Amino acid sequence: MIINDAAGLQDEIIERLRTVFDPELPVNIYELGLIYELITHVDGTVKVVMTLTAPGCPVADQILQDVERRLSDIEGVKEVRVEITFDPPWDRSMMSEEAQLELGFM
């Protein structure tokens, strides 16, 4: 994951991302490895580049809204921009060990 934290909000943002879950999996999107890039700007803009477990994810809109809503609640955040990418495509190797254990892959 690429992190550029000009606004000093990285820890709070990651904490909030850990509260967003893919409703189909019992693991948060951060531990799933769905966050590819996190950039904060001193003007309060936060950019998140993320992916989904599958291009046709039926709950994609819900996940994106959850990310935007949770990050917007952070003091100092004025704008949240969430971008979806499928390059590189997500696979299980991107998950944290904790997520792999939770899902029974280890």
PDB file of N, CA and C in Angstrom:
ATOM      1  N   MET A   1       0.836  -1.172   0.000  1.00  0.00           N
ATOM      2  CA  MET A   1       0.000   0.000   0.000  1.00  0.00           C
ATOM      3  C   MET A   1       0.884   1.239   0.000  1.00  0.00           C
ATOM      4  N   ILE A   2       0.485   2.228  -0.745  1.00  0.00           N
ATOM      5  CA  ILE A   2       1.185   3.511  -0.812  1.00  0.00           C
ATOM      6  C   ILE A   2       0.500   4.476   0.146  1.00  0.00           C
ATOM      7  N   ILE A   3       1.288   5.105   1.012  1.00  0.00           N
ATOM      8  CA  ILE A   3       0.738   6.095   1.944  1.00  0.00           C
ATOM      9  C   ILE A   3       1.541   7.376   1.824  1.00  0.00           C
ATOM     10  N   ASN A   4       0.831   8.483   1.655  1.00  0.00           N
ATOM     11  CA  ASN A   4       1.421   9.811   1.681  1.00  0.00           C
ATOM     12  C   ASN A   4       0.558  10.616   2.638  1.00  0.00           C
ATOM     13  N   ASP A   5       1.069  10.899   3.823  1.00  0.00           N
ATOM     14  CA  ASP A   5       0.261  11.459   4.899  1.00  0.00           C
ATOM     15  C   ASP A   5       0.637  12.891   5.236  1.00  0.00           C
ATOM     16  N   ALA A   6       0.437  13.803   4.314  1.00  0.00           N
ATOM     17  CA  ALA A   6       0.795  15.204   4.535  1.00  0.00           C
ATOM     18  C   ALA A   6      -0.018  15.852   5.653  1.00  0.00           C
ATOM     19  N   ALA A   7      -1.222  15.356   5.906  1.00  0.00           N
ATOM     20  CA  ALA A   7      -2.081  15.962   6.921  1.00  0.00           C
ATOM     21  C   ALA A   7      -1.956  15.307   8.291  1.00  0.00           C
ATOM     22  N   GLY A   8      -1.164  14.232   8.400  1.00  0.00           N
ATOM     23  CA  GLY A   8      -0.975  13.571   9.684  1.00  0.00           C
ATOM     24  C   GLY A   8      -2.205  12.826  10.183  1.00  0.00           C
ATOM     25  N   LEU A   9      -3.014  12.330   9.274  1.00  0.00           N
ATOM     26  CA  LEU A   9      -4.258  11.654   9.641  1.00  0.00           C
ATOM     27  C   LEU A   9      -4.222  10.141   9.420  1.00  0.00           C
ATOM     28  N   GLN A  10      -3.086   9.608   9.035  1.00  0.00           N
ATOM     29  CA  GLN A  10      -2.978   8.203   8.656  1.00  0.00           C
ATOM     30  C   GLN A  10      -3.542   7.248   9.706  1.00  0.00           C
ATOM     31  N   ASP A  11      -3.128   7.389  10.956  1.00  0.00           N
ATOM     32  CA  ASP A  11      -3.562   6.448  11.999  1.00  0.00           C
ATOM     33  C   ASP A  11      -5.075   6.469  12.175  1.00  0.00           C
ATOM     34  N   GLU A  12      -5.654   7.656  12.213  1.00  0.00           N
ATOM     35  CA  GLU A  12      -7.108   7.776  12.375  1.00  0.00           C
ATOM     36  C   GLU A  12      -7.838   7.206  11.164  1.00  0.00           C
ATOM     37  N   ILE A  13      -7.323   7.453   9.978  1.00  0.00           N
ATOM     38  CA  ILE A  13      -7.958   6.938   8.762  1.00  0.00           C
ATOM     39  C   ILE A  13      -7.915   5.410   8.754  1.00  0.00           C
ATOM     40  N   ILE A  14      -6.780   4.840   9.062  1.00  0.00           N
ATOM     41  CA  ILE A  14      -6.661   3.379   9.077  1.00  0.00           C
ATOM     42  C   ILE A  14      -7.596   2.791  10.133  1.00  0.00           C
ATOM     43  N   GLU A  15      -7.671   3.424  11.282  1.00  0.00           N
ATOM     44  CA  GLU A  15      -8.584   2.955  12.331  1.00  0.00           C
ATOM     45  C   GLU A  15     -10.027   2.941  11.814  1.00  0.00           C
ATOM     46  N   ARG A  16     -10.406   3.987  11.116  1.00  0.00           N
ATOM     47  CA  ARG A  16     -11.772   4.061  10.567  1.00  0.00           C
ATOM     48  C   ARG A  16     -11.982   3.038   9.452  1.00  0.00           C
ATOM     49  N   LEU A  17     -10.971   2.829   8.598  1.00  0.00           N
ATOM     50  CA  LEU A  17     -11.106   1.842   7.519  1.00  0.00           C
ATOM     51  C   LEU A  17     -11.294   0.438   8.093  1.00  0.00           C
ATOM     52  N   ARG A  18     -10.752   0.208   9.260  1.00  0.00           N
ATOM     53  CA  ARG A  18     -10.907  -1.096   9.912  1.00  0.00           C
ATOM     54  C   ARG A  18     -12.326  -1.307  10.453  1.00  0.00           C
ATOM     55  N   THR A  19     -13.172  -0.294  10.356  1.00  0.00           N
ATOM     56  CA  THR A  19     -14.572  -0.443  10.782  1.00  0.00           C
ATOM     57  C   THR A  19     -15.499  -0.654   9.594  1.00  0.00           C
ATOM     58  N   VAL A  20     -14.940  -0.700   8.390  1.00  0.00           N
ATOM     59  CA  VAL A  20     -15.744  -0.919   7.179  1.00  0.00           C
ATOM     60  C   VAL A  20     -15.562  -2.372   6.747  1.00  0.00           C
ATOM     61  N   PHE A  21     -16.670  -3.073   6.637  1.00  0.00           N
ATOM     62  CA  PHE A  21     -16.631  -4.494   6.300  1.00  0.00           C
ATOM     63  C   PHE A  21     -17.315  -4.746   4.966  1.00  0.00           C
ATOM     64  N   ASP A  22     -16.787  -5.708   4.238  1.00  0.00           N
ATOM     65  CA  ASP A  22     -17.487  -6.255   3.096  1.00  0.00           C
ATOM     66  C   ASP A  22     -18.595  -7.112   3.714  1.00  0.00           C
ATOM     67  N   PRO A  23     -19.868  -6.799   3.462  1.00  0.00           N
ATOM     68  CA  PRO A  23     -20.949  -7.537   4.115  1.00  0.00           C
ATOM     69  C   PRO A  23     -20.934  -9.044   3.843  1.00  0.00           C
ATOM     70  N   GLU A  24     -20.220  -9.459   2.815  1.00  0.00           N
ATOM     71  CA  GLU A  24     -20.171 -10.876   2.487  1.00  0.00           C
ATOM     72  C   GLU A  24     -19.042 -11.607   3.213  1.00  0.00           C
ATOM     73  N   LEU A  25     -18.140 -10.855   3.861  1.00  0.00           N
ATOM     74  CA  LEU A  25     -16.996 -11.450   4.552  1.00  0.00           C
ATOM     75  C   LEU A  25     -16.885 -10.851   5.951  1.00  0.00           C
ATOM     76  N   PRO A  26     -16.461 -11.634   6.935  1.00  0.00           N
ATOM     77  CA  PRO A  26     -16.367 -11.116   8.304  1.00  0.00           C
ATOM     78  C   PRO A  26     -15.036 -10.423   8.601  1.00  0.00           C
ATOM     79  N   VAL A  27     -14.458  -9.775   7.598  1.00  0.00           N
ATOM     80  CA  VAL A  27     -13.153  -9.124   7.747  1.00  0.00           C
ATOM     81  C   VAL A  27     -13.265  -7.711   7.178  1.00  0.00           C
ATOM     82  N   ASN A  28     -12.587  -6.758   7.826  1.00  0.00           N
ATOM     83  CA  ASN A  28     -12.656  -5.374   7.347  1.00  0.00           C
ATOM     84  C   ASN A  28     -11.853  -5.182   6.063  1.00  0.00           C
ATOM     85  N   ILE A  29     -12.159  -4.111   5.349  1.00  0.00           N
ATOM     86  CA  ILE A  29     -11.553  -3.881   4.031  1.00  0.00           C
ATOM     87  C   ILE A  29     -10.061  -3.607   4.108  1.00  0.00           C
ATOM     88  N   TYR A  30      -9.591  -3.069   5.250  1.00  0.00           N
ATOM     89  CA  TYR A  30      -8.165  -2.803   5.399  1.00  0.00           C
ATOM     90  C   TYR A  30      -7.394  -4.116   5.505  1.00  0.00           C
ATOM     91  N   GLU A  31      -7.847  -5.013   6.369  1.00  0.00           N
ATOM     92  CA  GLU A  31      -7.176  -6.301   6.541  1.00  0.00           C
ATOM     93  C   GLU A  31      -7.333  -7.201   5.310  1.00  0.00           C
ATOM     94  N   LEU A  32      -8.398  -6.993   4.554  1.00  0.00           N
ATOM     95  CA  LEU A  32      -8.574  -7.749   3.311  1.00  0.00           C
ATOM     96  C   LEU A  32      -7.562  -7.329   2.244  1.00  0.00           C
ATOM     97  N   GLY A  33      -6.928  -6.183   2.440  1.00  0.00           N
ATOM     98  CA  GLY A  33      -5.955  -5.696   1.460  1.00  0.00           C
ATOM     99  C   GLY A  33      -6.604  -4.965   0.301  1.00  0.00           C
ATOM    100  N   LEU A  34      -7.792  -4.421   0.537  1.00  0.00           N
ATOM    101  CA  LEU A  34      -8.505  -3.721  -0.531  1.00  0.00           C
ATOM    102  C   LEU A  34      -8.047  -2.274  -0.700  1.00  0.00           C
ATOM    103  N   ILE A  35      -7.285  -1.746   0.250  1.00  0.00           N
ATOM    104  CA  ILE A  35      -6.801  -0.365   0.167  1.00  0.00           C
ATOM    105  C   ILE A  35      -5.425  -0.382  -0.492  1.00  0.00           C
ATOM    106  N   TYR A  36      -5.319   0.245  -1.644  1.00  0.00           N
ATOM    107  CA  TYR A  36      -4.054   0.285  -2.388  1.00  0.00           C
ATOM    108  C   TYR A  36      -3.266   1.563  -2.133  1.00  0.00           C
ATOM    109  N   GLU A  37      -3.982   2.665  -1.927  1.00  0.00           N
ATOM    110  CA  GLU A  37      -3.304   3.957  -1.792  1.00  0.00           C
ATOM    111  C   GLU A  37      -4.109   4.849  -0.865  1.00  0.00           C
ATOM    112  N   LEU A  38      -3.398   5.575  -0.019  1.00  0.00           N
ATOM    113  CA  LEU A  38      -4.016   6.505   0.910  1.00  0.00           C
ATOM    114  C   LEU A  38      -3.188   7.777   0.900  1.00  0.00           C
ATOM    115  N   ILE A  39      -3.813   8.865   0.496  1.00  0.00           N
ATOM    116  CA  ILE A  39      -3.104  10.147   0.408  1.00  0.00           C
ATOM    117  C   ILE A  39      -3.915  11.202   1.156  1.00  0.00           C
ATOM    118  N   THR A  40      -3.253  11.912   2.076  1.00  0.00           N
ATOM    119  CA  THR A  40      -3.901  13.033   2.742  1.00  0.00           C
ATOM    120  C   THR A  40      -3.171  14.309   2.346  1.00  0.00           C
ATOM    121  N   HIS A  41      -3.937  15.353   2.201  1.00  0.00           N
ATOM    122  CA  HIS A  41      -3.385  16.666   1.861  1.00  0.00           C
ATOM    123  C   HIS A  41      -3.640  17.624   3.020  1.00  0.00           C
ATOM    124  N   VAL A  42      -2.773  18.597   3.168  1.00  0.00           N
ATOM    125  CA  VAL A  42      -2.901  19.548   4.281  1.00  0.00           C
ATOM    126  C   VAL A  42      -4.201  20.351   4.214  1.00  0.00           C
ATOM    127  N   ASP A  43      -4.831  20.418   3.044  1.00  0.00           N
ATOM    128  CA  ASP A  43      -6.099  21.140   2.933  1.00  0.00           C
ATOM    129  C   ASP A  43      -7.296  20.313   3.406  1.00  0.00           C
ATOM    130  N   GLY A  44      -7.061  19.082   3.890  1.00  0.00           N
ATOM    131  CA  GLY A  44      -8.134  18.247   4.401  1.00  0.00           C
ATOM    132  C   GLY A  44      -8.725  17.285   3.396  1.00  0.00           C
ATOM    133  N   THR A  45      -8.133  17.203   2.219  1.00  0.00           N
ATOM    134  CA  THR A  45      -8.590  16.258   1.204  1.00  0.00           C
ATOM    135  C   THR A  45      -7.926  14.911   1.443  1.00  0.00           C
ATOM    136  N   VAL A  46      -8.723  13.859   1.376  1.00  0.00           N
ATOM    137  CA  VAL A  46      -8.230  12.494   1.526  1.00  0.00           C
ATOM    138  C   VAL A  46      -8.577  11.737   0.251  1.00  0.00           C
ATOM    139  N   LYS A  47      -7.584  11.082  -0.307  1.00  0.00           N
ATOM    140  CA  LYS A  47      -7.801  10.252  -1.492  1.00  0.00           C
ATOM    141  C   LYS A  47      -7.518   8.806  -1.114  1.00  0.00           C
ATOM    142  N   VAL A  48      -8.474   7.935  -1.416  1.00  0.00           N
ATOM    143  CA  VAL A  48      -8.329   6.511  -1.171  1.00  0.00           C
ATOM    144  C   VAL A  48      -8.496   5.797  -2.507  1.00  0.00           C
ATOM    145  N   VAL A  49      -7.481   5.038  -2.889  1.00  0.00           N
ATOM    146  CA  VAL A  49      -7.586   4.187  -4.070  1.00  0.00           C
ATOM    147  C   VAL A  49      -7.722   2.772  -3.543  1.00  0.00           C
ATOM    148  N   MET A  50      -8.792   2.129  -3.941  1.00  0.00           N
ATOM    149  CA  MET A  50      -9.067   0.801  -3.416  1.00  0.00           C
ATOM    150  C   MET A  50      -9.627  -0.095  -4.508  1.00  0.00           C
ATOM    151  N   THR A  51      -9.752  -1.344  -4.160  1.00  0.00           N
ATOM    152  CA  THR A  51     -10.326  -2.311  -5.075  1.00  0.00           C
ATOM    153  C   THR A  51     -11.442  -3.048  -4.351  1.00  0.00           C
ATOM    154  N   LEU A  52     -12.030  -3.982  -5.020  1.00  0.00           N
ATOM    155  CA  LEU A  52     -13.051  -4.847  -4.451  1.00  0.00           C
ATOM    156  C   LEU A  52     -12.611  -6.281  -4.669  1.00  0.00           C
ATOM    157  N   THR A  53     -13.218  -7.201  -3.946  1.00  0.00           N
ATOM    158  CA  THR A  53     -12.814  -8.600  -4.094  1.00  0.00           C
ATOM    159  C   THR A  53     -13.189  -9.154  -5.456  1.00  0.00           C
ATOM    160  N   ALA A  54     -14.155  -8.521  -6.122  1.00  0.00           N
ATOM    161  CA  ALA A  54     -14.561  -8.947  -7.469  1.00  0.00           C
ATOM    162  C   ALA A  54     -15.146  -7.750  -8.211  1.00  0.00           C
ATOM    163  N   PRO A  55     -14.903  -7.652  -9.518  1.00  0.00           N
ATOM    164  CA  PRO A  55     -15.424  -6.513 -10.283  1.00  0.00           C
ATOM    165  C   PRO A  55     -16.948  -6.371 -10.205  1.00  0.00           C
ATOM    166  N   GLY A  56     -17.669  -7.450 -10.109  1.00  0.00           N
ATOM    167  CA  GLY A  56     -19.127  -7.394 -10.060  1.00  0.00           C
ATOM    168  C   GLY A  56     -19.681  -7.399  -8.656  1.00  0.00           C
ATOM    169  N   CYS A  57     -18.921  -6.927  -7.692  1.00  0.00           N
ATOM    170  CA  CYS A  57     -19.326  -6.945  -6.286  1.00  0.00           C
ATOM    171  C   CYS A  57     -20.704  -6.286  -6.118  1.00  0.00           C
ATOM    172  N   PRO A  58     -21.694  -7.035  -5.630  1.00  0.00           N
ATOM    173  CA  PRO A  58     -23.041  -6.482  -5.520  1.00  0.00           C
ATOM    174  C   PRO A  58     -23.203  -5.417  -4.439  1.00  0.00           C
ATOM    175  N   VAL A  59     -22.248  -5.313  -3.530  1.00  0.00           N
ATOM    176  CA  VAL A  59     -22.343  -4.326  -2.448  1.00  0.00           C
ATOM    177  C   VAL A  59     -21.302  -3.214  -2.593  1.00  0.00           C
ATOM    178  N   ALA A  60     -20.790  -3.030  -3.785  1.00  0.00           N
ATOM    179  CA  ALA A  60     -19.743  -2.027  -4.022  1.00  0.00           C
ATOM    180  C   ALA A  60     -20.178  -0.634  -3.571  1.00  0.00           C
ATOM    181  N   ASP A  61     -21.377  -0.214  -3.953  1.00  0.00           N
ATOM    182  CA  ASP A  61     -21.843   1.124  -3.584  1.00  0.00           C
ATOM    183  C   ASP A  61     -21.910   1.296  -2.065  1.00  0.00           C
ATOM    184  N   GLN A  62     -22.365   0.281  -1.379  1.00  0.00           N
ATOM    185  CA  GLN A  62     -22.468   0.338   0.069  1.00  0.00           C
ATOM    186  C   GLN A  62     -21.085   0.492   0.713  1.00  0.00           C
ATOM    187  N   ILE A  63     -20.118  -0.266   0.226  1.00  0.00           N
ATOM    188  CA  ILE A  63     -18.757  -0.185   0.767  1.00  0.00           C
ATOM    189  C   ILE A  63     -18.173   1.203   0.526  1.00  0.00           C
ATOM    190  N   LEU A  64     -18.321   1.722  -0.676  1.00  0.00           N
ATOM    191  CA  LEU A  64     -17.787   3.051  -0.997  1.00  0.00           C
ATOM    192  C   LEU A  64     -18.440   4.130  -0.146  1.00  0.00           C
ATOM    193  N   GLN A  65     -19.740   4.042   0.058  1.00  0.00           N
ATOM    194  CA  GLN A  65     -20.438   5.018   0.897  1.00  0.00           C
ATOM    195  C   GLN A  65     -19.959   4.925   2.345  1.00  0.00           C
ATOM    196  N   ASP A  66     -19.745   3.705   2.831  1.00  0.00           N
ATOM    197  CA  ASP A  66     -19.242   3.527   4.194  1.00  0.00           C
ATOM    198  C   ASP A  66     -17.865   4.165   4.357  1.00  0.00           C
ATOM    199  N   VAL A  67     -16.976   3.952   3.380  1.00  0.00           N
ATOM    200  CA  VAL A  67     -15.637   4.548   3.442  1.00  0.00           C
ATOM    201  C   VAL A  67     -15.752   6.061   3.479  1.00  0.00           C
ATOM    202  N   GLU A  68     -16.516   6.620   2.574  1.00  0.00           N
ATOM    203  CA  GLU A  68     -16.643   8.081   2.508  1.00  0.00           C
ATOM    204  C   GLU A  68     -17.249   8.643   3.791  1.00  0.00           C
ATOM    205  N   ARG A  69     -18.284   8.016   4.292  1.00  0.00           N
ATOM    206  CA  ARG A  69     -18.961   8.504   5.500  1.00  0.00           C
ATOM    207  C   ARG A  69     -18.036   8.427   6.716  1.00  0.00           C
ATOM    208  N   ARG A  70     -17.363   7.316   6.900  1.00  0.00           N
ATOM    209  CA  ARG A  70     -16.518   7.143   8.095  1.00  0.00           C
ATOM    210  C   ARG A  70     -15.307   8.078   8.074  1.00  0.00           C
ATOM    211  N   LEU A  71     -14.722   8.287   6.895  1.00  0.00           N
ATOM    212  CA  LEU A  71     -13.562   9.176   6.816  1.00  0.00           C
ATOM    213  C   LEU A  71     -13.981  10.634   6.910  1.00  0.00           C
ATOM    214  N   SER A  72     -15.159  10.970   6.420  1.00  0.00           N
ATOM    215  CA  SER A  72     -15.653  12.351   6.495  1.00  0.00           C
ATOM    216  C   SER A  72     -15.887  12.798   7.934  1.00  0.00           C
ATOM    217  N   ASP A  73     -16.102  11.836   8.826  1.00  0.00           N
ATOM    218  CA  ASP A  73     -16.350  12.155  10.237  1.00  0.00           C
ATOM    219  C   ASP A  73     -15.078  12.509  11.008  1.00  0.00           C
ATOM    220  N   ILE A  74     -13.921  12.328  10.400  1.00  0.00           N
ATOM    221  CA  ILE A  74     -12.657  12.619  11.074  1.00  0.00           C
ATOM    222  C   ILE A  74     -12.424  14.125  11.103  1.00  0.00           C
ATOM    223  N   GLU A  75     -12.073  14.632  12.267  1.00  0.00           N
ATOM    224  CA  GLU A  75     -11.785  16.058  12.400  1.00  0.00           C
ATOM    225  C   GLU A  75     -10.621  16.426  11.486  1.00  0.00           C
ATOM    226  N   GLY A  76     -10.795  17.465  10.698  1.00  0.00           N
ATOM    227  CA  GLY A  76      -9.760  17.914   9.775  1.00  0.00           C
ATOM    228  C   GLY A  76      -9.961  17.427   8.352  1.00  0.00           C
ATOM    229  N   VAL A  77     -10.829  16.450   8.154  1.00  0.00           N
ATOM    230  CA  VAL A  77     -11.112  15.958   6.795  1.00  0.00           C
ATOM    231  C   VAL A  77     -12.237  16.793   6.206  1.00  0.00           C
ATOM    232  N   LYS A  78     -11.947  17.413   5.076  1.00  0.00           N
ATOM    233  CA  LYS A  78     -12.931  18.267   4.420  1.00  0.00           C
ATOM    234  C   LYS A  78     -13.542  17.614   3.183  1.00  0.00           C
ATOM    235  N   GLU A  79     -12.782  16.724   2.547  1.00  0.00           N
ATOM    236  CA  GLU A  79     -13.277  16.060   1.337  1.00  0.00           C
ATOM    237  C   GLU A  79     -12.646  14.679   1.249  1.00  0.00           C
ATOM    238  N   VAL A  80     -13.459  13.691   0.865  1.00  0.00           N
ATOM    239  CA  VAL A  80     -12.977  12.328   0.677  1.00  0.00           C
ATOM    240  C   VAL A  80     -13.230  11.938  -0.766  1.00  0.00           C
ATOM    241  N   ARG A  81     -12.183  11.494  -1.428  1.00  0.00           N
ATOM    242  CA  ARG A  81     -12.286  11.009  -2.810  1.00  0.00           C
ATOM    243  C   ARG A  81     -11.911   9.529  -2.816  1.00  0.00           C
ATOM    244  N   VAL A  82     -12.862   8.699  -3.184  1.00  0.00           N
ATOM    245  CA  VAL A  82     -12.621   7.266  -3.231  1.00  0.00           C
ATOM    246  C   VAL A  82     -12.615   6.839  -4.696  1.00  0.00           C
ATOM    247  N   GLU A  83     -11.530   6.213  -5.099  1.00  0.00           N
ATOM    248  CA  GLU A  83     -11.410   5.713  -6.471  1.00  0.00           C
ATOM    249  C   GLU A  83     -11.294   4.201  -6.434  1.00  0.00           C
ATOM    250  N   ILE A  84     -11.971   3.555  -7.367  1.00  0.00           N
ATOM    251  CA  ILE A  84     -11.902   2.098  -7.489  1.00  0.00           C
ATOM    252  C   ILE A  84     -10.976   1.758  -8.647  1.00  0.00           C
ATOM    253  N   THR A  85     -10.149   0.748  -8.431  1.00  0.00           N
ATOM    254  CA  THR A  85      -9.288   0.232  -9.488  1.00  0.00           C
ATOM    255  C   THR A  85      -9.284  -1.292  -9.404  1.00  0.00           C
ATOM    256  N   PHE A  86      -9.013  -1.901 -10.511  1.00  0.00           N
ATOM    257  CA  PHE A  86      -8.856  -3.360 -10.527  1.00  0.00           C
ATOM    258  C   PHE A  86      -7.478  -3.731 -11.073  1.00  0.00           C
ATOM    259  N   ASP A  87      -6.551  -2.768 -10.947  1.00  0.00           N
ATOM    260  CA  ASP A  87      -5.183  -2.980 -11.405  1.00  0.00           C
ATOM    261  C   ASP A  87      -4.235  -2.648 -10.257  1.00  0.00           C
ATOM    262  N   PRO A  88      -3.648  -3.609  -9.622  1.00  0.00           N
ATOM    263  CA  PRO A  88      -3.715  -5.036  -9.937  1.00  0.00           C
ATOM    264  C   PRO A  88      -4.995  -5.651  -9.382  1.00  0.00           C
ATOM    265  N   PRO A  89      -5.418  -6.747  -9.971  1.00  0.00           N
ATOM    266  CA  PRO A  89      -6.602  -7.424  -9.450  1.00  0.00           C
ATOM    267  C   PRO A  89      -6.326  -7.954  -8.038  1.00  0.00           C
ATOM    268  N   TRP A  90      -7.332  -7.892  -7.192  1.00  0.00           N
ATOM    269  CA  TRP A  90      -7.190  -8.381  -5.828  1.00  0.00           C
ATOM    270  C   TRP A  90      -7.109  -9.904  -5.824  1.00  0.00           C
ATOM    271  N   ASP A  91      -6.285 -10.431  -4.934  1.00  0.00           N
ATOM    272  CA  ASP A  91      -6.284 -11.874  -4.686  1.00  0.00           C
ATOM    273  C   ASP A  91      -5.996 -12.102  -3.202  1.00  0.00           C
ATOM    274  N   ARG A  92      -6.158 -13.320  -2.747  1.00  0.00           N
ATOM    275  CA  ARG A  92      -6.044 -13.636  -1.322  1.00  0.00           C
ATOM    276  C   ARG A  92      -4.679 -13.308  -0.728  1.00  0.00           C
ATOM    277  N   SER A  93      -3.654 -13.276  -1.541  1.00  0.00           N
ATOM    278  CA  SER A  93      -2.322 -12.986  -1.007  1.00  0.00           C
ATOM    279  C   SER A  93      -2.204 -11.551  -0.484  1.00  0.00           C
ATOM    280  N   MET A  94      -3.151 -10.690  -0.819  1.00  0.00           N
ATOM    281  CA  MET A  94      -3.121  -9.304  -0.371  1.00  0.00           C
ATOM    282  C   MET A  94      -3.682  -9.128   1.040  1.00  0.00           C
ATOM    283  N   MET A  95      -4.294 -10.166   1.568  1.00  0.00           N
ATOM    284  CA  MET A  95      -4.869 -10.105   2.905  1.00  0.00           C
ATOM    285  C   MET A  95      -3.773 -10.171   3.964  1.00  0.00           C
ATOM    286  N   SER A  96      -4.050  -9.553   5.100  1.00  0.00           N
ATOM    287  CA  SER A  96      -3.142  -9.675   6.236  1.00  0.00           C
ATOM    288  C   SER A  96      -3.220 -11.106   6.768  1.00  0.00           C
ATOM    289  N   GLU A  97      -2.221 -11.489   7.559  1.00  0.00           N
ATOM    290  CA  GLU A  97      -2.257 -12.821   8.177  1.00  0.00           C
ATOM    291  C   GLU A  97      -3.502 -12.982   9.040  1.00  0.00           C
ATOM    292  N   GLU A  98      -3.856 -11.914   9.745  1.00  0.00           N
ATOM    293  CA  GLU A  98      -5.046 -11.939  10.588  1.00  0.00           C
ATOM    294  C   GLU A  98      -6.303 -12.273   9.772  1.00  0.00           C
ATOM    295  N   ALA A  99      -6.442 -11.635   8.606  1.00  0.00           N
ATOM    296  CA  ALA A  99      -7.599 -11.895   7.745  1.00  0.00           C
ATOM    297  C   ALA A  99      -7.574 -13.322   7.206  1.00  0.00           C
ATOM    298  N   GLN A 100      -6.393 -13.785   6.817  1.00  0.00           N
ATOM    299  CA  GLN A 100      -6.289 -15.154   6.301  1.00  0.00           C
ATOM    300  C   GLN A 100      -6.672 -16.166   7.374  1.00  0.00           C
ATOM    301  N   LEU A 101      -6.239 -15.929   8.614  1.00  0.00           N
ATOM    302  CA  LEU A 101      -6.610 -16.816   9.722  1.00  0.00           C
ATOM    303  C   LEU A 101      -8.125 -16.777   9.962  1.00  0.00           C
ATOM    304  N   GLU A 102      -8.677 -15.578   9.970  1.00  0.00           N
ATOM    305  CA  GLU A 102     -10.113 -15.402  10.208  1.00  0.00           C
ATOM    306  C   GLU A 102     -10.952 -16.145   9.170  1.00  0.00           C
ATOM    307  N   LEU A 103     -10.478 -16.154   7.930  1.00  0.00           N
ATOM    308  CA  LEU A 103     -11.231 -16.797   6.848  1.00  0.00           C
ATOM    309  C   LEU A 103     -10.827 -18.250   6.621  1.00  0.00           C
ATOM    310  N   GLY A 104      -9.885 -18.749   7.415  1.00  0.00           N
ATOM    311  CA  GLY A 104      -9.501 -20.141   7.335  1.00  0.00           C
ATOM    312  C   GLY A 104      -8.563 -20.476   6.184  1.00  0.00           C
ATOM    313  N   PHE A 105      -7.798 -19.504   5.715  1.00  0.00           N
ATOM    314  CA  PHE A 105      -6.850 -19.745   4.624  1.00  0.00           C
ATOM    315  C   PHE A 105      -5.468 -20.136   5.112  1.00  0.00           C
ATOM    316  N   MET A 106      -5.250 -20.135   6.429  1.00  0.00           N
ATOM    317  CA  MET A 106      -3.950 -20.510   6.988  1.00  0.00           C
ATOM    318  C   MET A 106      -4.135 -21.649   7.968  1.00  0.00           C
TER     319      MET A 106
END
